[in-house]
Amino acid sequence: MGIKLDVNNMNFSKSQKLKSKSKLFNMISLEPYMYLLPAFILFAVFTFYPFFKTIFISLTMTNSFGLPVKFIGLKNYVELIKSSEFISSIFITIEFVILTTIPTIIFSLLLALLVERKNKLNGFFETLFSMPIAISSAAGSLIWLIMLNPSSGIINYALRVNINWLSNKAFVVPIISIITIWLNLGINFIFFLTALRNMPKEVLESAAIDGVNWFQRIYNVVLPLISPTMFFVIFINLVTSFQSFTQFSVLAPAAGGASGGPTEALNVFVYKIYDDAFINNRFDIACTESVILFVIMLIVVLIQFRFEKKGVNY
């Protein structure tokens, strides 16, 4: 009497096991993406959708409510390129970026080097130099607006002059650059101070024993050691300077702009986008300017990352 095996049932059970294993494998492989799903949704709703919507609107003509009414292709871009006001805005923005980024990095690094050296007053200076972080851009701009008042401002009183600083085209961009440097100084100071305190002290001590002076140690030892932080700080300051808006929106009315709008000297890129969108109701032009600003910033960042491989030591 032989034993009969049910081959069909055995094959069915094997296929069931394989299916359950494949389902388990699929669930395991999808699990990391499930954790990232909320972040993906937020990026899609608040970053990618507005970005592509801005590109689409820049290719259309909009009504006063910002709704596209006609597809016109690249006409908005051609109109902007031919506009002398737009070209002037680019140069003013680049001037502002240079006047803010370079001095901010230099001054914050010097302050960090000053505080990094052992001193009884280090705690006081750390607090003093970090204080601008606690001040918002709007509040800081209002403080300077009061100080620069031509009739009752402390600056004119201290210098014994009577100058309307913000209405003078020669002064307005440098003054707003000084305000921006002051506002950004604290966070850059903290970045550099942290990098300096994390340096290996043995390298600096050996350089001092070899008779290397202070300036040579800074240039040949300190800067290469903190180059990753330097790269990060330059990147952040460039992006922040290109996107500066609050200082101009607070100080533009005092500079004599029509309806609070910018004068020619205050016509930086981001403020021009705001002016075209919410003052002139040209949302199509504003979106076009936003896309061009994105392209300019992308080019600057790509150039910076190109030099990152040569100038940054990890």
C-alpha atoms as a PDB file:
ATOM      1  CA  MET A   1       0.000   0.000   0.000  1.00  0.00           C
ATOM      2  CA  GLY A   2       1.819   3.188  -1.282  1.00  0.00           C
ATOM      3  CA  ILE A   3       1.566   6.786  -0.116  1.00  0.00           C
ATOM      4  CA  LYS A   4       0.024   9.175  -2.648  1.00  0.00           C
ATOM      5  CA  LEU A   5       1.294  12.753  -2.677  1.00  0.00           C
ATOM      6  CA  ASP A   6      -0.968  15.628  -3.698  1.00  0.00           C
ATOM      7  CA  VAL A   7       1.391  17.478  -6.047  1.00  0.00           C
ATOM      8  CA  ASN A   8      -1.132  20.239  -6.809  1.00  0.00           C
ATOM      9  CA  ASN A   9      -1.568  21.121  -3.135  1.00  0.00           C
ATOM     10  CA  MET A  10       2.198  21.201  -2.615  1.00  0.00           C
ATOM     11  CA  ASN A  11       2.681  23.568  -5.565  1.00  0.00           C
ATOM     12  CA  PHE A  12      -0.145  25.776  -4.298  1.00  0.00           C
ATOM     13  CA  SER A  13       1.387  26.037  -0.812  1.00  0.00           C
ATOM     14  CA  LYS A  14       4.783  26.874  -2.321  1.00  0.00           C
ATOM     15  CA  SER A  15       3.269  29.642  -4.447  1.00  0.00           C
ATOM     16  CA  GLN A  16       1.485  31.019  -1.384  1.00  0.00           C
ATOM     17  CA  LYS A  17       4.771  31.134   0.539  1.00  0.00           C
ATOM     18  CA  LEU A  18       6.505  32.878  -2.359  1.00  0.00           C
ATOM     19  CA  LYS A  19       3.716  35.452  -2.625  1.00  0.00           C
ATOM     20  CA  SER A  20       3.804  36.172   1.113  1.00  0.00           C
ATOM     21  CA  LYS A  21       7.599  36.550   0.976  1.00  0.00           C
ATOM     22  CA  SER A  22       7.374  38.943  -1.986  1.00  0.00           C
ATOM     23  CA  LYS A  23       4.705  41.026  -0.191  1.00  0.00           C
ATOM     24  CA  LEU A  24       6.884  41.159   2.931  1.00  0.00           C
ATOM     25  CA  PHE A  25       9.887  42.165   0.823  1.00  0.00           C
ATOM     26  CA  ASN A  26       7.878  44.906  -0.900  1.00  0.00           C
ATOM     27  CA  MET A  27       6.651  46.232   2.447  1.00  0.00           C
ATOM     28  CA  ILE A  28      10.203  46.281   3.833  1.00  0.00           C
ATOM     29  CA  SER A  29      11.549  48.079   0.733  1.00  0.00           C
ATOM     30  CA  LEU A  30       8.730  50.672   0.872  1.00  0.00           C
ATOM     31  CA  GLU A  31       9.007  51.321   4.603  1.00  0.00           C
ATOM     32  CA  PRO A  32      11.723  54.056   4.416  1.00  0.00           C
ATOM     33  CA  TYR A  33       9.713  55.919   1.788  1.00  0.00           C
ATOM     34  CA  MET A  34       6.630  55.829   3.994  1.00  0.00           C
ATOM     35  CA  TYR A  35       8.545  57.714   6.668  1.00  0.00           C
ATOM     36  CA  LEU A  36       9.607  60.270   4.062  1.00  0.00           C
ATOM     37  CA  LEU A  37       6.108  60.613   2.605  1.00  0.00           C
ATOM     38  CA  PRO A  38       5.041  63.570   4.837  1.00  0.00           C
ATOM     39  CA  ALA A  39       8.171  65.490   3.822  1.00  0.00           C
ATOM     40  CA  PHE A  40       7.558  64.655   0.161  1.00  0.00           C
ATOM     41  CA  ILE A  41       3.991  65.946   0.433  1.00  0.00           C
ATOM     42  CA  LEU A  42       5.131  69.203   2.062  1.00  0.00           C
ATOM     43  CA  PHE A  43       7.808  69.752  -0.578  1.00  0.00           C
ATOM     44  CA  ALA A  44       5.348  68.981  -3.370  1.00  0.00           C
ATOM     45  CA  VAL A  45       2.698  71.376  -2.069  1.00  0.00           C
ATOM     46  CA  PHE A  46       4.853  74.266  -0.868  1.00  0.00           C
ATOM     47  CA  THR A  47       7.962  74.047  -3.096  1.00  0.00           C
ATOM     48  CA  PHE A  48       7.573  72.113  -6.337  1.00  0.00           C
ATOM     49  CA  TYR A  49       4.015  73.160  -7.187  1.00  0.00           C
ATOM     50  CA  PRO A  50       4.660  76.919  -6.640  1.00  0.00           C
ATOM     51  CA  PHE A  51       7.933  76.627  -8.572  1.00  0.00           C
ATOM     52  CA  PHE A  52       6.374  75.068 -11.669  1.00  0.00           C
ATOM     53  CA  LYS A  53       3.309  77.322 -11.365  1.00  0.00           C
ATOM     54  CA  THR A  54       5.623  80.353 -11.370  1.00  0.00           C
ATOM     55  CA  ILE A  55       7.344  79.103 -14.536  1.00  0.00           C
ATOM     56  CA  PHE A  56       3.946  78.579 -16.194  1.00  0.00           C
ATOM     57  CA  ILE A  57       2.651  82.040 -15.232  1.00  0.00           C
ATOM     58  CA  SER A  58       5.853  83.614 -16.558  1.00  0.00           C
ATOM     59  CA  LEU A  59       4.871  82.273 -19.998  1.00  0.00           C
ATOM     60  CA  THR A  60       1.401  83.817 -19.877  1.00  0.00           C
ATOM     61  CA  MET A  61      -0.378  87.153 -19.647  1.00  0.00           C
ATOM     62  CA  THR A  62      -2.280  87.606 -16.386  1.00  0.00           C
ATOM     63  CA  ASN A  63      -5.172  89.788 -15.272  1.00  0.00           C
ATOM     64  CA  SER A  64      -5.208  92.051 -12.202  1.00  0.00           C
ATOM     65  CA  PHE A  65      -6.011  89.027  -9.990  1.00  0.00           C
ATOM     66  CA  GLY A  66      -2.919  87.143 -11.153  1.00  0.00           C
ATOM     67  CA  LEU A  67      -4.859  84.585 -13.202  1.00  0.00           C
ATOM     68  CA  PRO A  68      -3.442  83.525 -16.590  1.00  0.00           C
ATOM     69  CA  VAL A  69      -5.604  84.705 -19.500  1.00  0.00           C
ATOM     70  CA  LYS A  70      -3.359  84.090 -22.512  1.00  0.00           C
ATOM     71  CA  PHE A  71      -0.282  82.003 -23.302  1.00  0.00           C
ATOM     72  CA  ILE A  72       2.404  84.266 -24.821  1.00  0.00           C
ATOM     73  CA  GLY A  73       5.541  82.140 -24.578  1.00  0.00           C
ATOM     74  CA  LEU A  74       8.801  84.031 -23.989  1.00  0.00           C
ATOM     75  CA  LYS A  75       7.439  87.547 -24.605  1.00  0.00           C
ATOM     76  CA  ASN A  76       7.724  88.482 -20.922  1.00  0.00           C
ATOM     77  CA  TYR A  77      11.393  87.472 -20.917  1.00  0.00           C
ATOM     78  CA  VAL A  78      12.084  89.495 -24.068  1.00  0.00           C
ATOM     79  CA  GLU A  79      10.299  92.510 -22.564  1.00  0.00           C
ATOM     80  CA  LEU A  80      12.418  92.320 -19.419  1.00  0.00           C
ATOM     81  CA  ILE A  81      15.712  91.913 -21.262  1.00  0.00           C
ATOM     82  CA  LYS A  82      14.935  95.051 -23.279  1.00  0.00           C
ATOM     83  CA  SER A  83      13.989  96.999 -20.143  1.00  0.00           C
ATOM     84  CA  SER A  84      16.672  99.393 -18.865  1.00  0.00           C
ATOM     85  CA  GLU A  85      15.000  99.357 -15.431  1.00  0.00           C
ATOM     86  CA  PHE A  86      15.403  95.581 -15.235  1.00  0.00           C
ATOM     87  CA  ILE A  87      19.077  95.720 -16.246  1.00  0.00           C
ATOM     88  CA  SER A  88      19.639  98.458 -13.651  1.00  0.00           C
ATOM     89  CA  SER A  89      17.960  96.242 -11.036  1.00  0.00           C
ATOM     90  CA  ILE A  90      20.413  93.422 -11.774  1.00  0.00           C
ATOM     91  CA  PHE A  91      23.454  95.686 -11.316  1.00  0.00           C
ATOM     92  CA  ILE A  92      22.059  97.224  -8.115  1.00  0.00           C
ATOM     93  CA  THR A  93      21.399  93.738  -6.723  1.00  0.00           C
ATOM     94  CA  ILE A  94      24.936  92.585  -7.562  1.00  0.00           C
ATOM     95  CA  GLU A  95      26.340  95.749  -5.943  1.00  0.00           C
ATOM     96  CA  PHE A  96      24.294  95.088  -2.812  1.00  0.00           C
ATOM     97  CA  VAL A  97      25.392  91.423  -2.672  1.00  0.00           C
ATOM     98  CA  ILE A  98      29.074  92.401  -2.919  1.00  0.00           C
ATOM     99  CA  LEU A  99      28.729  95.179  -0.332  1.00  0.00           C
ATOM    100  CA  THR A 100      27.094  92.832   2.172  1.00  0.00           C
ATOM    101  CA  THR A 101      28.642  89.400   1.662  1.00  0.00           C
ATOM    102  CA  ILE A 102      32.353  90.253   1.733  1.00  0.00           C
ATOM    103  CA  PRO A 103      32.341  92.636   4.745  1.00  0.00           C
ATOM    104  CA  THR A 104      29.996  90.353   6.715  1.00  0.00           C
ATOM    105  CA  ILE A 105      32.357  87.393   6.333  1.00  0.00           C
ATOM    106  CA  ILE A 106      35.477  89.451   7.116  1.00  0.00           C
ATOM    107  CA  PHE A 107      34.053  91.181  10.201  1.00  0.00           C
ATOM    108  CA  SER A 108      32.423  88.058  11.643  1.00  0.00           C
ATOM    109  CA  LEU A 109      35.659  86.070  11.202  1.00  0.00           C
ATOM    110  CA  LEU A 110      37.710  88.815  12.875  1.00  0.00           C
ATOM    111  CA  LEU A 111      35.283  88.958  15.799  1.00  0.00           C
ATOM    112  CA  ALA A 112      35.396  85.167  16.139  1.00  0.00           C
ATOM    113  CA  LEU A 113      39.207  85.240  16.149  1.00  0.00           C
ATOM    114  CA  LEU A 114      39.108  87.945  18.820  1.00  0.00           C
ATOM    115  CA  VAL A 115      36.777  86.007  21.103  1.00  0.00           C
ATOM    116  CA  GLU A 116      38.421  82.614  20.460  1.00  0.00           C
ATOM    117  CA  ARG A 117      41.564  83.770  22.233  1.00  0.00           C
ATOM    118  CA  LYS A 118      41.395  83.286  26.008  1.00  0.00           C
ATOM    119  CA  ASN A 119      40.102  86.367  27.754  1.00  0.00           C
ATOM    120  CA  LYS A 120      38.108  87.110  30.903  1.00  0.00           C
ATOM    121  CA  LEU A 121      35.619  89.167  28.889  1.00  0.00           C
ATOM    122  CA  ASN A 122      34.917  86.411  26.344  1.00  0.00           C
ATOM    123  CA  GLY A 123      31.444  85.722  27.693  1.00  0.00           C
ATOM    124  CA  PHE A 124      30.499  89.392  27.455  1.00  0.00           C
ATOM    125  CA  PHE A 125      31.790  89.721  23.912  1.00  0.00           C
ATOM    126  CA  GLU A 126      30.097  86.503  22.787  1.00  0.00           C
ATOM    127  CA  THR A 127      26.764  87.838  24.022  1.00  0.00           C
ATOM    128  CA  LEU A 128      27.383  91.267  22.512  1.00  0.00           C
ATOM    129  CA  PHE A 129      28.361  89.973  19.062  1.00  0.00           C
ATOM    130  CA  SER A 130      25.515  87.429  18.970  1.00  0.00           C
ATOM    131  CA  MET A 131      22.775  89.892  19.914  1.00  0.00           C
ATOM    132  CA  PRO A 132      21.729  90.816  16.313  1.00  0.00           C
ATOM    133  CA  ILE A 133      20.347  87.261  15.979  1.00  0.00           C
ATOM    134  CA  ALA A 134      17.585  88.174  18.438  1.00  0.00           C
ATOM    135  CA  ILE A 135      16.548  91.205  16.355  1.00  0.00           C
ATOM    136  CA  SER A 136      14.269  90.658  13.366  1.00  0.00           C
ATOM    137  CA  SER A 137      15.041  92.371  10.062  1.00  0.00           C
ATOM    138  CA  ALA A 138      11.947  94.565  10.340  1.00  0.00           C
ATOM    139  CA  ALA A 139      12.725  95.703  13.901  1.00  0.00           C
ATOM    140  CA  GLY A 140      16.393  96.296  13.072  1.00  0.00           C
ATOM    141  CA  SER A 141      15.462  98.335   9.990  1.00  0.00           C
ATOM    142  CA  LEU A 142      13.052 100.441  12.051  1.00  0.00           C
ATOM    143  CA  ILE A 143      15.803 101.135  14.605  1.00  0.00           C
ATOM    144  CA  TRP A 144      18.089 102.374  11.851  1.00  0.00           C
ATOM    145  CA  LEU A 145      15.254 104.347  10.267  1.00  0.00           C
ATOM    146  CA  ILE A 146      14.861 106.293  13.516  1.00  0.00           C
ATOM    147  CA  MET A 147      18.621 106.751  13.867  1.00  0.00           C
ATOM    148  CA  LEU A 148      18.891 108.052  10.282  1.00  0.00           C
ATOM    149  CA  ASN A 149      16.054 110.539  10.619  1.00  0.00           C
ATOM    150  CA  PRO A 150      17.367 113.840   9.157  1.00  0.00           C
ATOM    151  CA  SER A 151      15.795 116.044  11.838  1.00  0.00           C
ATOM    152  CA  SER A 152      15.878 113.957  15.030  1.00  0.00           C
ATOM    153  CA  GLY A 153      18.201 111.044  14.278  1.00  0.00           C
ATOM    154  CA  ILE A 154      21.162 110.327  16.520  1.00  0.00           C
ATOM    155  CA  ILE A 155      23.551 109.885  13.583  1.00  0.00           C
ATOM    156  CA  ASN A 156      23.107 113.450  12.294  1.00  0.00           C
ATOM    157  CA  TYR A 157      23.312 114.717  15.862  1.00  0.00           C
ATOM    158  CA  ALA A 158      26.561 112.833  16.541  1.00  0.00           C
ATOM    159  CA  LEU A 159      28.176 113.944  13.263  1.00  0.00           C
ATOM    160  CA  ARG A 160      26.851 117.525  13.560  1.00  0.00           C
ATOM    161  CA  VAL A 161      25.423 117.376  10.029  1.00  0.00           C
ATOM    162  CA  ASN A 162      21.991 117.675   8.432  1.00  0.00           C
ATOM    163  CA  ILE A 163      21.859 114.965   5.769  1.00  0.00           C
ATOM    164  CA  ASN A 164      18.843 113.031   4.534  1.00  0.00           C
ATOM    165  CA  TRP A 165      20.799 109.795   4.178  1.00  0.00           C
ATOM    166  CA  LEU A 166      18.083 107.623   2.648  1.00  0.00           C
ATOM    167  CA  SER A 167      17.064 110.071  -0.068  1.00  0.00           C
ATOM    168  CA  ASN A 168      20.622 110.369  -1.370  1.00  0.00           C
ATOM    169  CA  LYS A 169      21.336 107.825  -4.115  1.00  0.00           C
ATOM    170  CA  ALA A 170      25.026 107.787  -3.236  1.00  0.00           C
ATOM    171  CA  PHE A 171      24.321 106.742   0.360  1.00  0.00           C
ATOM    172  CA  VAL A 172      21.182 104.606   0.311  1.00  0.00           C
ATOM    173  CA  VAL A 173      22.584 101.260  -0.926  1.00  0.00           C
ATOM    174  CA  PRO A 174      25.743 101.415   1.267  1.00  0.00           C
ATOM    175  CA  ILE A 175      23.586 102.312   4.287  1.00  0.00           C
ATOM    176  CA  ILE A 176      21.205  99.399   3.730  1.00  0.00           C
ATOM    177  CA  SER A 177      24.277  97.204   3.207  1.00  0.00           C
ATOM    178  CA  ILE A 178      25.598  98.310   6.628  1.00  0.00           C
ATOM    179  CA  ILE A 179      22.230  97.471   8.195  1.00  0.00           C
ATOM    180  CA  THR A 180      22.272  94.038   6.546  1.00  0.00           C
ATOM    181  CA  ILE A 181      25.850  93.394   7.716  1.00  0.00           C
ATOM    182  CA  TRP A 182      24.832  94.256  11.270  1.00  0.00           C
ATOM    183  CA  LEU A 183      21.795  91.955  11.096  1.00  0.00           C
ATOM    184  CA  ASN A 184      23.793  89.014   9.680  1.00  0.00           C
ATOM    185  CA  LEU A 185      26.876  89.452  11.835  1.00  0.00           C
ATOM    186  CA  GLY A 186      25.648  87.404  14.806  1.00  0.00           C
ATOM    187  CA  ILE A 187      24.859  84.138  13.052  1.00  0.00           C
ATOM    188  CA  ASN A 188      28.091  84.232  11.020  1.00  0.00           C
ATOM    189  CA  PHE A 189      30.063  84.995  14.185  1.00  0.00           C
ATOM    190  CA  ILE A 190      28.617  81.870  15.857  1.00  0.00           C
ATOM    191  CA  PHE A 191      29.453  79.679  12.853  1.00  0.00           C
ATOM    192  CA  PHE A 192      33.068  80.857  12.747  1.00  0.00           C
ATOM    193  CA  LEU A 193      33.517  80.716  16.524  1.00  0.00           C
ATOM    194  CA  THR A 194      32.284  77.104  16.582  1.00  0.00           C
ATOM    195  CA  ALA A 195      34.651  76.170  13.759  1.00  0.00           C
ATOM    196  CA  LEU A 196      37.620  77.847  15.470  1.00  0.00           C
ATOM    197  CA  ARG A 197      36.969  76.085  18.763  1.00  0.00           C
ATOM    198  CA  ASN A 198      36.762  72.701  17.032  1.00  0.00           C
ATOM    199  CA  MET A 199      40.172  73.055  15.388  1.00  0.00           C
ATOM    200  CA  PRO A 200      42.947  70.715  16.574  1.00  0.00           C
ATOM    201  CA  LYS A 201      45.029  72.836  18.928  1.00  0.00           C
ATOM    202  CA  GLU A 202      48.147  70.740  18.308  1.00  0.00           C
ATOM    203  CA  VAL A 203      48.513  72.150  14.791  1.00  0.00           C
ATOM    204  CA  LEU A 204      48.375  75.748  16.013  1.00  0.00           C
ATOM    205  CA  GLU A 205      50.797  75.024  18.869  1.00  0.00           C
ATOM    206  CA  SER A 206      53.323  73.389  16.544  1.00  0.00           C
ATOM    207  CA  ALA A 207      53.056  76.349  14.151  1.00  0.00           C
ATOM    208  CA  ALA A 208      53.683  78.754  17.049  1.00  0.00           C
ATOM    209  CA  ILE A 209      56.734  76.710  18.175  1.00  0.00           C
ATOM    210  CA  ASP A 210      58.109  76.859  14.618  1.00  0.00           C
ATOM    211  CA  GLY A 211      58.043  80.660  14.823  1.00  0.00           C
ATOM    212  CA  VAL A 212      55.103  81.262  12.481  1.00  0.00           C
ATOM    213  CA  ASN A 213      53.614  84.690  13.195  1.00  0.00           C
ATOM    214  CA  TRP A 214      49.901  85.349  13.825  1.00  0.00           C
ATOM    215  CA  PHE A 215      49.001  86.417  10.287  1.00  0.00           C
ATOM    216  CA  GLN A 216      50.776  83.424   8.763  1.00  0.00           C
ATOM    217  CA  ARG A 217      48.980  81.073  11.158  1.00  0.00           C
ATOM    218  CA  ILE A 218      45.628  82.557  10.156  1.00  0.00           C
ATOM    219  CA  TYR A 219      46.314  82.321   6.415  1.00  0.00           C
ATOM    220  CA  ASN A 220      48.205  79.017   6.250  1.00  0.00           C
ATOM    221  CA  VAL A 221      46.653  77.069   9.136  1.00  0.00           C
ATOM    222  CA  VAL A 222      43.360  78.483  10.382  1.00  0.00           C
ATOM    223  CA  LEU A 223      41.677  79.266   7.056  1.00  0.00           C
ATOM    224  CA  PRO A 224      42.365  75.814   5.526  1.00  0.00           C
ATOM    225  CA  LEU A 225      41.104  74.122   8.710  1.00  0.00           C
ATOM    226  CA  ILE A 226      37.837  76.086   8.760  1.00  0.00           C
ATOM    227  CA  SER A 227      37.367  76.081   4.960  1.00  0.00           C
ATOM    228  CA  PRO A 228      34.203  73.881   5.111  1.00  0.00           C
ATOM    229  CA  THR A 229      32.587  76.413   7.454  1.00  0.00           C
ATOM    230  CA  MET A 230      33.838  79.261   5.259  1.00  0.00           C
ATOM    231  CA  PHE A 231      32.257  77.629   2.207  1.00  0.00           C
ATOM    232  CA  PHE A 232      28.948  77.192   4.044  1.00  0.00           C
ATOM    233  CA  VAL A 233      28.944  80.789   5.342  1.00  0.00           C
ATOM    234  CA  ILE A 234      29.696  82.216   1.885  1.00  0.00           C
ATOM    235  CA  PHE A 235      26.886  80.125   0.400  1.00  0.00           C
ATOM    236  CA  ILE A 236      24.341  81.208   3.021  1.00  0.00           C
ATOM    237  CA  ASN A 237      25.298  84.881   2.768  1.00  0.00           C
ATOM    238  CA  LEU A 238      25.092  84.923  -1.012  1.00  0.00           C
ATOM    239  CA  VAL A 239      21.631  83.389  -1.014  1.00  0.00           C
ATOM    240  CA  THR A 240      20.433  85.669   1.805  1.00  0.00           C
ATOM    241  CA  SER A 241      21.770  88.809   0.115  1.00  0.00           C
ATOM    242  CA  PHE A 242      20.114  87.979  -3.203  1.00  0.00           C
ATOM    243  CA  GLN A 243      16.793  87.483  -1.384  1.00  0.00           C
ATOM    244  CA  SER A 244      16.969  90.535   0.911  1.00  0.00           C
ATOM    245  CA  PHE A 245      13.629  92.305   1.034  1.00  0.00           C
ATOM    246  CA  THR A 246      12.600  93.495   4.498  1.00  0.00           C
ATOM    247  CA  GLN A 247      15.223  96.223   4.810  1.00  0.00           C
ATOM    248  CA  PHE A 248      14.173  97.745   1.487  1.00  0.00           C
ATOM    249  CA  SER A 249      10.447  97.516   2.206  1.00  0.00           C
ATOM    250  CA  VAL A 250      10.892  99.346   5.533  1.00  0.00           C
ATOM    251  CA  LEU A 251      13.306 102.017   4.278  1.00  0.00           C
ATOM    252  CA  ALA A 252      11.885 102.643   0.784  1.00  0.00           C
ATOM    253  CA  PRO A 253       9.123 105.070   1.911  1.00  0.00           C
ATOM    254  CA  ALA A 254      11.712 107.180   3.733  1.00  0.00           C
ATOM    255  CA  ALA A 255      13.809 107.201   0.552  1.00  0.00           C
ATOM    256  CA  GLY A 256      11.039 109.016  -1.302  1.00  0.00           C
ATOM    257  CA  GLY A 257       9.680 106.152  -3.387  1.00  0.00           C
ATOM    258  CA  ALA A 258       6.283 106.792  -4.919  1.00  0.00           C
ATOM    259  CA  SER A 259       3.560 105.055  -2.921  1.00  0.00           C
ATOM    260  CA  GLY A 260       6.261 103.481  -0.835  1.00  0.00           C
ATOM    261  CA  GLY A 261       7.857 102.036  -3.954  1.00  0.00           C
ATOM    262  CA  PRO A 262      11.597 101.985  -4.541  1.00  0.00           C
ATOM    263  CA  THR A 263      13.586 104.787  -6.043  1.00  0.00           C
ATOM    264  CA  GLU A 264      16.022 103.874  -8.784  1.00  0.00           C
ATOM    265  CA  ALA A 265      18.780 103.254  -6.240  1.00  0.00           C
ATOM    266  CA  LEU A 266      16.581 100.902  -4.162  1.00  0.00           C
ATOM    267  CA  ASN A 267      15.386  98.861  -7.114  1.00  0.00           C
ATOM    268  CA  VAL A 268      16.926  95.547  -6.055  1.00  0.00           C
ATOM    269  CA  PHE A 269      15.618  92.361  -7.589  1.00  0.00           C
ATOM    270  CA  VAL A 270      13.360  91.013  -4.850  1.00  0.00           C
ATOM    271  CA  TYR A 271      11.824  94.409  -4.123  1.00  0.00           C
ATOM    272  CA  LYS A 272      11.176  94.909  -7.842  1.00  0.00           C
ATOM    273  CA  ILE A 273       9.339  91.568  -7.901  1.00  0.00           C
ATOM    274  CA  TYR A 274       7.176  92.737  -5.002  1.00  0.00           C
ATOM    275  CA  ASP A 275       6.588  96.127  -6.644  1.00  0.00           C
ATOM    276  CA  ASP A 276       5.545  94.618  -9.995  1.00  0.00           C
ATOM    277  CA  ALA A 277       3.256  92.046  -8.392  1.00  0.00           C
ATOM    278  CA  PHE A 278       1.482  93.939  -5.617  1.00  0.00           C
ATOM    279  CA  ILE A 279       1.796  97.598  -6.693  1.00  0.00           C
ATOM    280  CA  ASN A 280       1.572  97.372 -10.487  1.00  0.00           C
ATOM    281  CA  ASN A 281      -0.483  94.129 -10.580  1.00  0.00           C
ATOM    282  CA  ARG A 282       1.872  92.666 -13.201  1.00  0.00           C
ATOM    283  CA  PHE A 283       1.992  89.145 -11.813  1.00  0.00           C
ATOM    284  CA  ASP A 284       3.252  87.703 -15.100  1.00  0.00           C
ATOM    285  CA  ILE A 285       6.264  90.041 -15.092  1.00  0.00           C
ATOM    286  CA  ALA A 286       6.878  89.357 -11.389  1.00  0.00           C
ATOM    287  CA  CYS A 287       6.895  85.589 -12.019  1.00  0.00           C
ATOM    288  CA  THR A 288       9.267  86.086 -14.944  1.00  0.00           C
ATOM    289  CA  GLU A 289      11.617  88.079 -12.709  1.00  0.00           C
ATOM    290  CA  SER A 290      11.403  85.339 -10.073  1.00  0.00           C
ATOM    291  CA  VAL A 291      12.456  82.713 -12.617  1.00  0.00           C
ATOM    292  CA  ILE A 292      15.370  84.880 -13.784  1.00  0.00           C
ATOM    293  CA  LEU A 293      16.442  85.447 -10.163  1.00  0.00           C
ATOM    294  CA  PHE A 294      16.361  81.679  -9.612  1.00  0.00           C
ATOM    295  CA  VAL A 295      18.554  81.130 -12.688  1.00  0.00           C
ATOM    296  CA  ILE A 296      21.056  83.796 -11.551  1.00  0.00           C
ATOM    297  CA  MET A 297      21.271  82.301  -8.055  1.00  0.00           C
ATOM    298  CA  LEU A 298      21.615  78.801  -9.532  1.00  0.00           C
ATOM    299  CA  ILE A 299      24.537  79.937 -11.702  1.00  0.00           C
ATOM    300  CA  VAL A 300      26.230  81.601  -8.711  1.00  0.00           C
ATOM    301  CA  VAL A 301      25.788  78.473  -6.576  1.00  0.00           C
ATOM    302  CA  LEU A 302      27.097  76.184  -9.334  1.00  0.00           C
ATOM    303  CA  ILE A 303      30.178  78.392  -9.737  1.00  0.00           C
ATOM    304  CA  GLN A 304      30.716  78.289  -5.983  1.00  0.00           C
ATOM    305  CA  PHE A 305      30.442  74.496  -5.878  1.00  0.00           C
ATOM    306  CA  ARG A 306      32.853  74.342  -8.811  1.00  0.00           C
ATOM    307  CA  PHE A 307      35.497  76.093  -6.711  1.00  0.00           C
ATOM    308  CA  GLU A 308      34.553  74.097  -3.610  1.00  0.00           C
ATOM    309  CA  LYS A 309      36.654  71.108  -4.711  1.00  0.00           C
ATOM    310  CA  LYS A 310      39.779  73.261  -4.988  1.00  0.00           C
ATOM    311  CA  GLY A 311      39.392  75.527  -1.966  1.00  0.00           C
ATOM    312  CA  VAL A 312      37.776  73.342   0.710  1.00  0.00           C
ATOM    313  CA  ASN A 313      39.800  70.883   2.796  1.00  0.00           C
ATOM    314  CA  TYR A 314      37.839  68.160   4.578  1.00  0.00           C
END
